Amino acid sequence: MNRRDFVSRNAIALSGVPFLPFTGSLAPKDSMFRMSLNPGAIGVSMDLASILDMAVKYGYTAISCATAELLEMEDGEMQVLVDKMKQHDITWGSAGLPIDFRKDEATYLEGLAKMPATCEVMEKVGATRMNTWIMPSNDLYTYRTNFALHKERLGKAANIAGHHGVRLGLEYVGPKTTLSRGQYSFIRTMAETKELIEAMGESNVGFVLDSFHWYCAGESKVDLLTLDKEDIVVVDLNDARTGLTPDTQVDGRRELPMATGVIPIKDFMEALKQLGYQGPMRAEPFNQPLRDMEDEDAIQATYESMKKAFDLVG
């Protein structure tokens, strides 16, 4: 579930299945970055088998890990999928955290109880990355109270994930227009997210780095270079709309990478290359014209835009 969906509906609970042994493994490719097909963020609705076919056809080297679908698969069906991924050197991108940790305690605990089954199925197929985002404002909690809530709830989720070799990435949301929506402000920068990660005390927690939020938070290449490559779980690559300042950009209205040149994507990519990051990158533009395209056209357009960004750093 993406942030736009979060505004309009609750998280969908995942149902578990019995653990079944998995005999394969997925080794990461040696290339610098992995271009990950993230269908939901570009308005594409397909099952995993179809997503994999599209990745093969258009040259993506990773696909998002749809844990809800994996949980419903028979072991043999799952093995066929993973074998095909290995055959075409396609690895897993990231999965969404299946917990609504922002609401009441009962809702959070209900999701937390289902976390082990999600992480088990990820371990079976060799998926190692999970992500969620941090809302920069809310109407219920002051900064200190909200910090303590995030530390405890996300810390417990990360601990479960870590026992299955899964890393948890946290995405700060940079636009000031989102910060102003709630009564109380919260985390919206890299520096603040570092403080939360440190306070959680779980070694498998890192960042979801989004070029859009990096830009809207007023950060630079220098800020990126304060990280180590191990601090980065997954990367979102986006551009911003023209005619707006960083402070007036809106989170749910972005552009494909390299579409406008508003965000200094070359600086962003150069920093990641310098850090030695080799994980998945995905586009998350939440762009209505892209969503209005036919599925395959949107997949191709996204690939072409991301390739332009990849070509900036060779």
Protein backbone atom coordinates (compact mmCIF):
# COMPACT_ATOMS: atom_id res chain seq x y z
CA MET A 1 0.00 0.00 0.00
CA ASN A 2 1.43 3.37 -1.00
CA ARG A 3 0.99 6.68 0.81
CA ARG A 4 -1.77 7.82 -1.53
CA ASP A 5 -3.73 4.66 -0.77
CA PHE A 6 -3.02 5.16 2.94
CA VAL A 7 -4.83 8.49 2.90
CA SER A 8 -8.01 6.90 1.54
CA ARG A 9 -8.17 3.42 3.06
CA ASN A 10 -6.78 1.18 5.78
CA ALA A 11 -3.98 -1.31 5.30
CA ILE A 12 -5.01 -4.72 4.00
CA ALA A 13 -4.18 -7.53 6.40
CA LEU A 14 -2.17 -10.44 5.04
CA SER A 15 -3.17 -14.02 5.68
CA GLY A 16 -0.49 -16.60 6.52
CA VAL A 17 0.13 -20.04 5.11
CA PRO A 18 2.09 -22.95 6.57
CA PHE A 19 5.85 -22.66 6.16
CA LEU A 20 7.23 -24.81 3.37
CA PRO A 21 10.96 -25.40 2.77
CA PHE A 22 12.53 -23.64 -0.18
CA THR A 23 15.60 -25.16 -1.84
CA GLY A 24 16.72 -22.31 -4.10
CA SER A 25 18.46 -18.99 -3.56
CA LEU A 26 18.81 -15.70 -5.36
CA ALA A 27 22.28 -14.18 -5.56
CA PRO A 28 22.49 -10.43 -6.19
CA LYS A 29 23.78 -9.32 -9.55
CA ASP A 30 27.21 -7.67 -9.66
CA SER A 31 25.96 -4.63 -11.61
CA MET A 32 25.89 -1.26 -9.92
CA PHE A 33 22.12 -0.72 -9.63
CA ARG A 34 19.11 -2.97 -10.10
CA MET A 35 16.18 -1.39 -11.95
CA SER A 36 13.12 -2.62 -10.10
CA LEU A 37 9.63 -2.82 -11.59
CA ASN A 38 7.25 -1.45 -8.96
CA PRO A 39 3.85 -1.84 -10.66
CA GLY A 40 1.55 -0.30 -8.07
CA ALA A 41 3.41 3.01 -8.09
CA ILE A 42 2.91 3.44 -11.84
CA GLY A 43 -0.74 2.38 -11.95
CA VAL A 44 -0.14 -1.17 -13.17
CA SER A 45 -2.13 -4.08 -11.78
CA MET A 46 -0.68 -7.52 -12.57
CA ASP A 47 0.09 -10.76 -10.78
CA LEU A 48 3.69 -11.69 -10.06
CA ALA A 49 4.03 -14.01 -13.04
CA SER A 50 2.92 -11.23 -15.40
CA ILE A 51 5.15 -8.68 -13.69
CA LEU A 52 8.09 -11.02 -14.17
CA ASP A 53 7.24 -11.43 -17.84
CA MET A 54 7.17 -7.65 -18.25
CA ALA A 55 10.49 -7.31 -16.45
CA VAL A 56 12.07 -9.82 -18.81
CA LYS A 57 10.57 -8.16 -21.87
CA TYR A 58 11.62 -4.61 -21.04
CA GLY A 59 14.93 -5.14 -19.28
CA TYR A 60 14.20 -4.62 -15.61
CA THR A 61 16.57 -6.49 -13.29
CA ALA A 62 14.35 -6.67 -10.18
CA ILE A 63 10.66 -6.85 -9.30
CA SER A 64 8.82 -5.74 -6.18
CA CYS A 65 8.10 -8.50 -3.69
CA ALA A 66 4.31 -8.91 -3.51
CA THR A 67 4.10 -10.82 -0.22
CA ALA A 68 0.29 -11.04 -0.17
CA GLU A 69 0.39 -13.01 -3.41
CA LEU A 70 3.34 -15.14 -2.33
CA LEU A 71 1.48 -16.12 0.83
CA GLU A 72 -1.30 -17.59 -1.29
CA MET A 73 0.99 -19.57 -3.62
CA GLU A 74 1.60 -23.29 -3.49
CA ASP A 75 5.23 -24.21 -2.95
CA GLY A 76 5.61 -25.58 -6.48
CA GLU A 77 4.20 -22.43 -8.05
CA MET A 78 6.56 -20.35 -5.95
CA GLN A 79 9.53 -22.45 -7.04
CA VAL A 80 8.65 -22.01 -10.72
CA LEU A 81 8.57 -18.23 -10.25
CA VAL A 82 11.92 -18.10 -8.48
CA ASP A 83 13.56 -20.43 -11.00
CA LYS A 84 12.45 -18.13 -13.82
CA MET A 85 13.84 -15.15 -11.96
CA LYS A 86 17.18 -16.89 -11.62
CA GLN A 87 17.16 -17.87 -15.29
CA HIS A 88 16.79 -14.22 -16.31
CA ASP A 89 19.02 -12.78 -13.56
CA ILE A 90 16.13 -10.90 -11.97
CA THR A 91 16.20 -10.35 -8.22
CA TRP A 92 13.70 -9.09 -5.66
CA GLY A 93 13.17 -5.43 -4.96
CA SER A 94 11.41 -4.51 -1.74
CA ALA A 95 8.17 -5.55 -0.03
CA GLY A 96 5.81 -3.29 1.88
CA LEU A 97 5.64 -3.56 5.66
CA PRO A 98 2.35 -5.42 6.35
CA ILE A 99 1.60 -3.53 9.56
CA ASP A 100 -0.52 -0.43 10.16
CA PHE A 101 1.60 0.93 12.99
CA ARG A 102 0.12 4.45 12.87
CA LYS A 103 -3.26 3.62 14.40
CA ASP A 104 -4.43 2.22 17.73
CA GLU A 105 -2.63 -0.51 19.63
CA ALA A 106 -5.09 -3.26 18.67
CA THR A 107 -4.69 -2.55 14.95
CA TYR A 108 -0.92 -2.53 15.31
CA LEU A 109 -0.82 -5.79 17.26
CA GLU A 110 -3.09 -7.48 14.72
CA GLY A 111 -0.62 -6.65 11.98
CA LEU A 112 2.42 -7.53 14.07
CA ALA A 113 1.02 -11.02 14.69
CA LYS A 114 1.05 -11.65 10.94
CA MET A 115 4.57 -10.32 10.44
CA PRO A 116 6.34 -13.68 10.98
CA ALA A 117 4.43 -15.41 8.17
CA THR A 118 5.26 -12.56 5.79
CA CYS A 119 8.94 -12.70 6.67
CA GLU A 120 8.99 -16.48 6.41
CA VAL A 121 7.69 -16.40 2.85
CA MET A 122 10.23 -13.72 1.98
CA GLU A 123 13.00 -15.88 3.39
CA LYS A 124 11.77 -18.83 1.34
CA VAL A 125 12.09 -16.95 -1.95
CA GLY A 126 15.29 -15.09 -1.07
CA ALA A 127 13.75 -11.61 -0.65
CA THR A 128 15.66 -9.48 1.85
CA ARG A 129 14.16 -5.96 1.78
CA MET A 130 11.03 -4.46 3.29
CA ASN A 131 9.98 -0.84 3.53
CA THR A 132 7.55 1.65 5.01
CA TRP A 133 7.22 5.41 5.23
CA ILE A 134 7.04 7.92 8.05
CA MET A 135 4.31 10.54 7.95
CA PRO A 136 5.79 13.97 8.83
CA SER A 137 2.74 15.12 10.74
CA ASN A 138 -0.32 13.85 12.61
CA ASP A 139 -3.22 15.08 14.69
CA LEU A 140 -2.76 12.88 17.76
CA TYR A 141 0.81 12.85 19.02
CA THR A 142 3.49 15.41 19.82
CA TYR A 143 6.95 14.83 18.35
CA ARG A 144 8.31 13.07 21.46
CA THR A 145 5.28 10.83 21.86
CA ASN A 146 5.26 9.95 18.18
CA PHE A 147 9.00 9.25 18.25
CA ALA A 148 8.55 6.80 21.12
CA LEU A 149 5.66 5.11 19.31
CA HIS A 150 7.70 4.68 16.10
CA LYS A 151 10.73 3.46 18.03
CA GLU A 152 8.76 0.76 19.83
CA ARG A 153 6.44 -0.41 17.07
CA LEU A 154 8.89 -0.33 14.17
CA GLY A 155 11.60 -1.74 16.40
CA LYS A 156 9.52 -4.83 17.11
CA ALA A 157 8.73 -5.26 13.42
CA ALA A 158 12.40 -4.91 12.53
CA ASN A 159 13.38 -7.47 15.13
CA ILE A 160 11.04 -10.05 13.61
CA ALA A 161 12.27 -9.22 10.11
CA GLY A 162 15.89 -9.54 11.18
CA HIS A 163 15.37 -13.12 12.33
CA HIS A 164 14.50 -13.97 8.73
CA GLY A 165 17.34 -12.05 7.07
CA VAL A 166 15.07 -9.16 6.06
CA ARG A 167 16.11 -5.51 6.30
CA LEU A 168 13.61 -2.75 7.03
CA GLY A 169 13.90 0.57 5.20
CA LEU A 170 12.33 3.76 6.54
CA GLU A 171 11.34 6.53 4.14
CA TYR A 172 11.11 10.09 5.36
CA VAL A 173 8.56 12.26 3.53
CA GLY A 174 10.09 15.63 2.69
CA PRO A 175 7.44 18.05 1.36
CA LYS A 176 6.46 20.85 3.70
CA THR A 177 2.97 20.64 2.23
CA THR A 178 2.61 17.23 3.92
CA LEU A 179 4.17 18.51 7.13
CA SER A 180 1.45 21.15 7.37
CA ARG A 181 -1.46 18.72 7.16
CA GLY A 182 -1.44 17.63 10.80
CA GLN A 183 -1.56 19.38 14.15
CA TYR A 184 1.88 18.11 15.19
CA SER A 185 5.03 17.94 13.08
CA PHE A 186 7.28 14.90 12.90
CA ILE A 187 10.26 13.48 11.02
CA ARG A 188 10.80 14.78 7.46
CA THR A 189 14.60 14.80 6.98
CA MET A 190 17.50 12.39 6.73
CA ALA A 191 19.05 13.66 9.96
CA GLU A 192 15.87 13.05 11.96
CA THR A 193 15.46 9.60 10.44
CA LYS A 194 19.02 8.77 11.48
CA GLU A 195 18.05 9.59 15.07
CA LEU A 196 15.07 7.25 14.92
CA ILE A 197 17.11 4.42 13.39
CA GLU A 198 19.78 4.81 16.06
CA ALA A 199 17.18 4.84 18.82
CA MET A 200 15.56 1.65 17.50
CA GLY A 201 18.81 -0.24 18.05
CA GLU A 202 18.15 -2.87 15.37
CA SER A 203 21.06 -3.49 13.00
CA ASN A 204 18.82 -4.38 10.04
CA VAL A 205 17.13 -0.96 9.80
CA GLY A 206 18.12 1.57 7.15
CA PHE A 207 16.79 4.10 4.66
CA VAL A 208 14.43 4.19 1.75
CA LEU A 209 16.08 7.03 -0.17
CA ASP A 210 13.71 8.90 -2.46
CA SER A 211 15.13 11.58 -4.75
CA PHE A 212 11.87 13.53 -4.44
CA HIS A 213 11.94 13.65 -0.64
CA TRP A 214 15.69 14.33 -0.65
CA TYR A 215 15.01 17.34 -2.88
CA CYS A 216 11.98 18.59 -0.92
CA ALA A 217 13.86 18.29 2.38
CA GLY A 218 16.48 20.70 1.01
CA GLU A 219 19.25 18.12 1.13
CA SER A 220 22.26 17.72 -1.13
CA LYS A 221 24.85 15.29 -2.38
CA VAL A 222 26.84 16.03 0.79
CA ASP A 223 24.00 14.69 2.94
CA LEU A 224 23.87 11.46 0.93
CA LEU A 225 27.60 10.96 1.37
CA THR A 226 27.20 10.88 5.15
CA LEU A 227 25.67 7.41 4.68
CA ASP A 228 27.31 4.05 4.10
CA LYS A 229 26.00 1.75 1.40
CA GLU A 230 24.77 -0.61 4.11
CA ASP A 231 22.49 2.17 5.37
CA ILE A 232 20.40 2.06 2.18
CA VAL A 233 17.70 -0.58 1.82
CA VAL A 234 16.02 0.59 -1.39
CA VAL A 235 15.99 3.71 -3.60
CA ASP A 236 13.05 5.55 -5.20
CA LEU A 237 13.91 7.58 -8.27
CA ASN A 238 11.57 10.44 -9.19
CA ASP A 239 11.52 13.93 -10.65
CA ALA A 240 9.42 16.92 -9.54
CA ARG A 241 6.94 19.21 -11.24
CA THR A 242 8.02 22.48 -12.79
CA GLY A 243 6.82 25.86 -11.58
CA LEU A 244 7.03 24.93 -7.89
CA THR A 245 9.68 25.39 -5.22
CA PRO A 246 10.84 22.51 -3.02
CA ASP A 247 8.55 23.85 -0.30
CA THR A 248 5.43 23.88 -2.51
CA GLN A 249 5.81 20.43 -4.12
CA VAL A 250 3.03 17.94 -3.30
CA ASP A 251 3.88 14.36 -2.38
CA GLY A 252 1.25 12.65 -4.52
CA ARG A 253 2.08 14.56 -7.70
CA ARG A 254 5.50 13.80 -9.10
CA GLU A 255 7.18 13.01 -12.39
CA LEU A 256 9.17 10.12 -13.79
CA PRO A 257 12.94 10.47 -13.38
CA MET A 258 14.54 12.88 -15.89
CA ALA A 259 11.12 14.12 -17.03
CA THR A 260 11.59 17.75 -15.98
CA GLY A 261 15.14 18.20 -14.70
CA VAL A 262 13.88 19.93 -11.56
CA ILE A 263 15.62 17.46 -9.24
CA PRO A 264 19.43 17.22 -9.64
CA ILE A 265 19.24 13.50 -10.32
CA LYS A 266 22.83 13.33 -11.54
CA ASP A 267 24.07 14.44 -8.10
CA PHE A 268 21.78 11.87 -6.49
CA MET A 269 23.00 9.05 -8.71
CA GLU A 270 26.66 10.03 -8.44
CA ALA A 271 26.45 9.95 -4.65
CA LEU A 272 24.91 6.46 -4.69
CA LYS A 273 27.61 5.28 -7.07
CA GLN A 274 30.31 6.77 -4.87
CA LEU A 275 28.82 5.00 -1.85
CA GLY A 276 28.87 1.70 -3.75
CA TYR A 277 25.14 1.03 -3.47
CA GLN A 278 24.16 -1.94 -5.65
CA GLY A 279 20.55 -2.56 -4.66
CA PRO A 280 17.17 -1.96 -6.29
CA MET A 281 15.96 1.36 -7.63
CA ARG A 282 12.33 1.92 -8.55
CA ALA A 283 10.19 4.75 -9.85
CA GLU A 284 7.37 5.96 -7.60
CA PRO A 285 5.95 9.02 -9.38
CA PHE A 286 2.26 8.74 -8.39
CA ASN A 287 1.66 10.40 -11.75
CA GLN A 288 -1.88 10.42 -13.13
CA PRO A 289 -1.00 10.62 -16.87
CA LEU A 290 1.23 7.57 -16.35
CA ARG A 291 -1.54 5.76 -14.49
CA ASP A 292 -3.92 6.49 -17.35
CA MET A 293 -1.70 4.63 -19.84
CA GLU A 294 -2.17 1.01 -20.79
CA ASP A 295 -0.20 -1.19 -18.40
CA GLU A 296 2.50 -2.20 -20.84
CA ASP A 297 2.94 1.36 -22.12
CA ALA A 298 3.44 2.59 -18.56
CA ILE A 299 6.02 -0.13 -17.91
CA GLN A 300 7.95 0.80 -21.04
CA ALA A 301 7.79 4.54 -20.34
CA THR A 302 9.06 3.98 -16.81
CA TYR A 303 11.93 1.83 -18.03
CA GLU A 304 12.99 4.44 -20.57
CA SER A 305 12.93 7.24 -17.99
CA MET A 306 14.91 5.24 -15.45
CA LYS A 307 17.46 4.20 -18.05
CA LYS A 308 18.17 7.87 -18.77
CA ALA A 309 18.97 8.34 -15.09
CA PHE A 310 21.11 5.20 -14.98
CA ASP A 311 23.03 6.39 -18.04
CA LEU A 312 24.07 9.55 -16.17
CA VAL A 313 26.59 7.52 -14.19
CA GLY A 314 27.48 4.91 -16.81
